[in-house]
């Protein structure tokens, strides 16, 4: 490991360790070691969270009976909790099946923002930009859109709009979006695409056929990275890899965006992709032990 890499990792991990130690001290001070036995334990909240956690890639939508069976709750309790989640906008109901809505992502975002992970990952992004001289960004999925949560720009502008924290772009036509969609089940991706159907055609290269797009996302799921060539805007070419947690779940995507004239596709995949994977793996290590190896695969 080069000295510069060691310095970047040391500064990031020191900051991460400080935040984790503060959190641990707070938990100990509030009796955080107890699990369901303390007088302050709210069982109704615990049951509600168990209902939210019941939905996953294998079960993106379920009937009332399925939720009750999976959580071990009675049908009556499960029904009340599910209807409360629907009323609050965290879940949806089509008359038979329940499923989480985009607002449920806010629960995860609160965790990510509270730990300031994107700021901790900034040194790695800066180092990558210094090596490739192109802009680097991190985005998360919010429904059918990606939302920029971190960005290290360069002087060269690559899009007609200004990109910054909070910028939203369509997931299906962006490299980070396809990486994030590939982290979902095929059924969940199909449902998201149906919500924005018909898909907008931004350039003559934009993939708008749902079947073709699902095939492309499956390729991304297998290889572990995505390259989108001028589908959102002519001249814009980008490549992205996932940022994962300790369970190898895709939480965010990291990309390099460039003008097509500066980086031919073969050069981008041969020279930039390995550096991008390494950076994503380094940031993933801030989310838990061992995940850097997962982020670097593919």
Foldseek 3Di string as FASTA:
>chain_A
DDPLVVVLLVVLVVLLVVLVVVVVVVCVVVVVVDDPPDPPDDVLVVLLVLLQVLDAQVPQKDFLVVSCVSSVHDSVSSVVSQVVCVVVQQWHDPPGIIGGALVVVVVVVVVCVSSVLQVSLVSLQVVLCVVPVFKKWKWFDRQQKIFTQDIDGHPDDQDPDDDDGGDIDGLLQDFFSLLNLLLHHLVSSVVSPVVCPQDDFQDPQADRPVVVSSVQSPVCNVQFKGWHAQRNHQQKIKIKGFQAAPVRRGGMIMMTIDGCVVAPPVRCCVPVVQSRLQSSLSSNVSRDPPCSVSRNGD
